[in-house]
C-alpha atoms as a PDB file:
ATOM      1  CA  MET A   1      33.323   6.680  10.899  1.00  0.00           C
ATOM      2  CA  THR A   2      30.683   4.181   9.986  1.00  0.00           C
ATOM      3  CA  ALA A   3      29.086   4.253   6.591  1.00  0.00           C
ATOM      4  CA  PRO A   4      25.363   5.007   6.549  1.00  0.00           C
ATOM      5  CA  LYS A   5      23.063   1.877   6.471  1.00  0.00           C
ATOM      6  CA  ARG A   6      21.882   0.992   3.010  1.00  0.00           C
ATOM      7  CA  PRO A   7      18.282   0.089   2.717  1.00  0.00           C
ATOM      8  CA  ARG A   8      17.601  -3.398   1.693  1.00  0.00           C
ATOM      9  CA  ILE A   9      15.662  -4.128  -1.569  1.00  0.00           C
ATOM     10  CA  ARG A  10      13.266  -6.908  -1.352  1.00  0.00           C
ATOM     11  CA  THR A  11      10.554  -7.986  -3.843  1.00  0.00           C
ATOM     12  CA  LEU A  12       7.010  -9.189  -3.353  1.00  0.00           C
ATOM     13  CA  GLU A  13       8.241 -12.717  -4.395  1.00  0.00           C
ATOM     14  CA  GLU A  14      10.682 -12.706  -1.509  1.00  0.00           C
ATOM     15  CA  LEU A  15       7.961 -11.627   0.980  1.00  0.00           C
ATOM     16  CA  ARG A  16       5.276 -14.096  -0.043  1.00  0.00           C
ATOM     17  CA  PRO A  17       6.620 -17.069   1.806  1.00  0.00           C
ATOM     18  CA  LEU A  18       6.864 -15.113   5.075  1.00  0.00           C
ATOM     19  CA  VAL A  19       3.240 -14.214   4.667  1.00  0.00           C
ATOM     20  CA  LYS A  20       2.302 -17.889   3.883  1.00  0.00           C
ATOM     21  CA  GLU A  21       4.030 -18.816   7.145  1.00  0.00           C
ATOM     22  CA  GLY A  22       2.111 -16.253   9.119  1.00  0.00           C
ATOM     23  CA  ARG A  23       5.188 -14.135   9.792  1.00  0.00           C
ATOM     24  CA  TYR A  24       3.231 -10.843   9.353  1.00  0.00           C
ATOM     25  CA  ARG A  25       1.645  -8.209  11.475  1.00  0.00           C
ATOM     26  CA  LEU A  26      -1.514  -6.430  10.470  1.00  0.00           C
ATOM     27  CA  GLY A  27      -1.212  -2.821  11.186  1.00  0.00           C
ATOM     28  CA  SER A  28      -3.985  -0.776  12.822  1.00  0.00           C
ATOM     29  CA  HIS A  29      -4.277   1.414   9.793  1.00  0.00           C
ATOM     30  CA  ALA A  30      -4.924  -1.660   7.610  1.00  0.00           C
ATOM     31  CA  ALA A  31      -7.487  -3.088  10.162  1.00  0.00           C
ATOM     32  CA  LYS A  32      -9.291   0.219  10.192  1.00  0.00           C
ATOM     33  CA  HIS A  33      -9.543   0.369   6.427  1.00  0.00           C
ATOM     34  CA  ALA A  34     -10.657  -3.283   6.349  1.00  0.00           C
ATOM     35  CA  ALA A  35     -13.444  -2.514   8.804  1.00  0.00           C
ATOM     36  CA  CYS A  36     -14.686   0.713   7.085  1.00  0.00           C
ATOM     37  CA  GLU A  37     -14.332  -0.662   3.543  1.00  0.00           C
ATOM     38  CA  GLY A  38     -15.740  -4.168   4.020  1.00  0.00           C
ATOM     39  CA  PHE A  39     -12.752  -6.474   3.349  1.00  0.00           C
ATOM     40  CA  SER A  40     -11.091  -8.939   5.637  1.00  0.00           C
ATOM     41  CA  GLU A  41      -7.578  -9.921   6.693  1.00  0.00           C
ATOM     42  CA  GLN A  42      -7.856 -12.918   4.372  1.00  0.00           C
ATOM     43  CA  ASP A  43      -8.611 -10.672   1.452  1.00  0.00           C
ATOM     44  CA  ILE A  44      -5.383  -8.782   2.180  1.00  0.00           C
ATOM     45  CA  VAL A  45      -3.310 -11.849   2.506  1.00  0.00           C
ATOM     46  CA  THR A  46      -4.854 -13.091  -0.806  1.00  0.00           C
ATOM     47  CA  ALA A  47      -4.070  -9.760  -2.357  1.00  0.00           C
ATOM     48  CA  ILE A  48      -0.216 -10.322  -1.318  1.00  0.00           C
ATOM     49  CA  LEU A  49      -0.063 -13.927  -2.405  1.00  0.00           C
ATOM     50  CA  TYR A  50      -1.624 -13.605  -5.852  1.00  0.00           C
ATOM     51  CA  GLY A  51      -1.105  -9.826  -6.553  1.00  0.00           C
ATOM     52  CA  ARG A  52       1.741  -7.973  -8.199  1.00  0.00           C
ATOM     53  CA  GLU A  53       4.167  -5.255  -7.088  1.00  0.00           C
ATOM     54  CA  LEU A  54       3.317  -1.739  -8.280  1.00  0.00           C
ATOM     55  CA  MET A  55       6.021   0.313  -6.626  1.00  0.00           C
ATOM     56  CA  ARG A  56       9.042  -0.084  -4.266  1.00  0.00           C
ATOM     57  CA  TYR A  57       9.958   2.674  -1.757  1.00  0.00           C
ATOM     58  CA  VAL A  58      13.517   1.773  -1.249  1.00  0.00           C
ATOM     59  CA  GLN A  59      14.414   4.473   1.262  1.00  0.00           C
ATOM     60  CA  ASP A  60      11.462   3.494   3.493  1.00  0.00           C
ATOM     61  CA  GLU A  61      11.931  -0.338   2.796  1.00  0.00           C
ATOM     62  CA  ARG A  62       8.268  -0.552   1.647  1.00  0.00           C
ATOM     63  CA  LEU A  63       6.460  -1.647  -1.350  1.00  0.00           C
ATOM     64  CA  LEU A  64       3.101  -1.181  -2.821  1.00  0.00           C
ATOM     65  CA  ALA A  65       1.185  -4.313  -4.251  1.00  0.00           C
ATOM     66  CA  ILE A  66      -2.082  -4.600  -5.982  1.00  0.00           C
ATOM     67  CA  GLY A  67      -4.298  -7.587  -5.718  1.00  0.00           C
ATOM     68  CA  TYR A  68      -8.061  -8.289  -6.048  1.00  0.00           C
ATOM     69  CA  ILE A  69     -11.015  -9.112  -3.928  1.00  0.00           C
ATOM     70  CA  CYS A  70     -13.306 -11.474  -5.850  1.00  0.00           C
ATOM     71  CA  PRO A  71     -16.714 -11.616  -4.171  1.00  0.00           C
ATOM     72  CA  SER A  72     -18.001 -13.408  -7.285  1.00  0.00           C
ATOM     73  CA  PRO A  73     -16.600 -14.875 -10.421  1.00  0.00           C
ATOM     74  CA  ALA A  74     -17.678 -11.747 -12.510  1.00  0.00           C
ATOM     75  CA  VAL A  75     -16.473  -9.161 -10.037  1.00  0.00           C
ATOM     76  CA  ARG A  76     -12.922  -8.179  -9.179  1.00  0.00           C
ATOM     77  CA  ILE A  77     -12.281  -5.179  -6.826  1.00  0.00           C
ATOM     78  CA  PRO A  78      -8.791  -3.839  -6.723  1.00  0.00           C
ATOM     79  CA  LEU A  79      -7.025  -3.824  -3.314  1.00  0.00           C
ATOM     80  CA  HIS A  80      -3.833  -1.825  -2.601  1.00  0.00           C
ATOM     81  CA  VAL A  81      -1.533  -3.055   0.141  1.00  0.00           C
ATOM     82  CA  VAL A  82       1.532  -1.475   1.514  1.00  0.00           C
ATOM     83  CA  LEU A  83       4.253  -3.782   3.011  1.00  0.00           C
ATOM     84  CA  GLU A  84       7.159  -2.865   5.128  1.00  0.00           C
ATOM     85  CA  TYR A  85      10.111  -5.261   5.275  1.00  0.00           C
ATOM     86  CA  LYS A  86      12.665  -3.527   7.693  1.00  0.00           C
ATOM     87  CA  LYS A  87      12.617  -6.479  10.132  1.00  0.00           C
ATOM     88  CA  PRO A  88      14.578  -9.491   8.753  1.00  0.00           C
ATOM     89  CA  ARG A  89      12.162 -12.426   8.777  1.00  0.00           C
ATOM     90  CA  TRP A  90       8.960 -10.465   9.225  1.00  0.00           C
ATOM     91  CA  VAL A  91       6.474  -8.400   7.089  1.00  0.00           C
ATOM     92  CA  ASP A  92       4.424  -5.447   8.375  1.00  0.00           C
ATOM     93  CA  ILE A  93       1.118  -4.788   6.529  1.00  0.00           C
ATOM     94  CA  VAL A  94       1.246  -1.000   7.029  1.00  0.00           C
ATOM     95  CA  THR A  95      -2.206  -0.418   5.154  1.00  0.00           C
ATOM     96  CA  ALA A  96      -4.589  -1.716   2.729  1.00  0.00           C
ATOM     97  CA  PHE A  97      -7.346   0.133   0.858  1.00  0.00           C
ATOM     98  CA  ILE A  98      -9.541   0.022  -2.114  1.00  0.00           C
ATOM     99  CA  PRO A  99      -8.323   2.755  -4.479  1.00  0.00           C
ATOM    100  CA  ALA A 100     -11.008   5.444  -5.395  1.00  0.00           C
ATOM    101  CA  GLU A 101      -9.784   5.537  -8.908  1.00  0.00           C
ATOM    102  CA  PRO A 102      -7.851   2.357  -9.661  1.00  0.00           C
ATOM    103  CA  HIS A 103      -7.267   3.048 -13.277  1.00  0.00           C
ATOM    104  CA  ARG A 104      -5.951   6.639 -12.713  1.00  0.00           C
ATOM    105  CA  VAL A 105      -2.279   7.135 -12.606  1.00  0.00           C
ATOM    106  CA  VAL A 106      -1.343   8.537  -9.301  1.00  0.00           C
ATOM    107  CA  SER A 107       1.466  11.091  -8.802  1.00  0.00           C
ATOM    108  CA  ARG A 108       4.424  10.191  -6.797  1.00  0.00           C
ATOM    109  CA  ALA A 109       3.732  13.257  -4.550  1.00  0.00           C
ATOM    110  CA  ARG A 110       0.229  12.149  -3.955  1.00  0.00           C
ATOM    111  CA  LEU A 111       1.096   8.501  -3.262  1.00  0.00           C
ATOM    112  CA  ALA A 112       3.841   9.629  -0.843  1.00  0.00           C
ATOM    113  CA  GLU A 113       1.260  11.597   1.014  1.00  0.00           C
ATOM    114  CA  CYS A 114      -1.116   8.695   1.049  1.00  0.00           C
ATOM    115  CA  LEU A 115       1.610   6.510   2.749  1.00  0.00           C
ATOM    116  CA  ARG A 116       2.501   9.059   5.404  1.00  0.00           C
ATOM    117  CA  HIS A 117       1.042   8.268   8.899  1.00  0.00           C
ATOM    118  CA  ASP A 118       2.461  11.030  11.060  1.00  0.00           C
ATOM    119  CA  ARG A 119      -0.883  12.984  10.896  1.00  0.00           C
ATOM    120  CA  HIS A 120       0.490  16.245   9.707  1.00  0.00           C
ATOM    121  CA  MET A 121      -1.954  18.380   7.838  1.00  0.00           C
ATOM    122  CA  THR A 122      -0.765  18.191   4.256  1.00  0.00           C
ATOM    123  CA  ARG A 123      -2.183  19.970   1.173  1.00  0.00           C
ATOM    124  CA  SER A 124      -1.732  19.177  -2.500  1.00  0.00           C
ATOM    125  CA  SER A 125      -3.499  20.738  -5.345  1.00  0.00           C
ATOM    126  CA  TRP A 126      -4.129  19.834  -9.016  1.00  0.00           C
ATOM    127  CA  HIS A 127      -1.608  21.451 -11.437  1.00  0.00           C
ATOM    128  CA  GLY A 128      -2.677  20.989 -14.902  1.00  0.00           C
ATOM    129  CA  PRO A 129      -5.231  22.233 -17.396  1.00  0.00           C
ATOM    130  CA  ARG A 130      -8.072  24.168 -15.930  1.00  0.00           C
ATOM    131  CA  THR A 131     -10.671  21.821 -17.453  1.00  0.00           C
ATOM    132  CA  THR A 132     -11.624  20.592 -13.974  1.00  0.00           C
ATOM    133  CA  PRO A 133     -12.014  22.451 -10.678  1.00  0.00           C
ATOM    134  CA  MET A 134      -9.024  22.723  -8.319  1.00  0.00           C
ATOM    135  CA  ILE A 135      -8.840  19.691  -6.192  1.00  0.00           C
ATOM    136  CA  GLU A 136      -7.424  19.809  -2.639  1.00  0.00           C
ATOM    137  CA  TYR A 137      -6.513  16.809  -0.629  1.00  0.00           C
ATOM    138  CA  ARG A 138      -6.362  16.868   3.174  1.00  0.00           C
ATOM    139  CA  LEU A 139      -5.174  13.944   5.215  1.00  0.00           C
END
């Protein structure tokens, strides 16, 4: 019997040289967000090279990084980038997006739903004080 494959743990620092060398693939989901939200592939690469790691998804061999788009010296727009590092000398840029509420802490369940790309209809609801109306997300 063979032991189950253990996922690798890699950091953003380890992935940056691969991106610098051009060993990355921009996924269609990232390209769609870039076209809709008005940022470029270069903005994504810059966010990876100069940003920081927010979360690591060890089981999926992915990580979430945050960088910034700087259209002028006085303006910084946050950009979230999800990287997948399953392939040995390669990085897949799964998605990139401008977060709607960059300073709000996102629950793990909501973030997991954001990272899913299997097009299932998922529902999540707000569980907390009833000071705000019920929020329902649909992907």
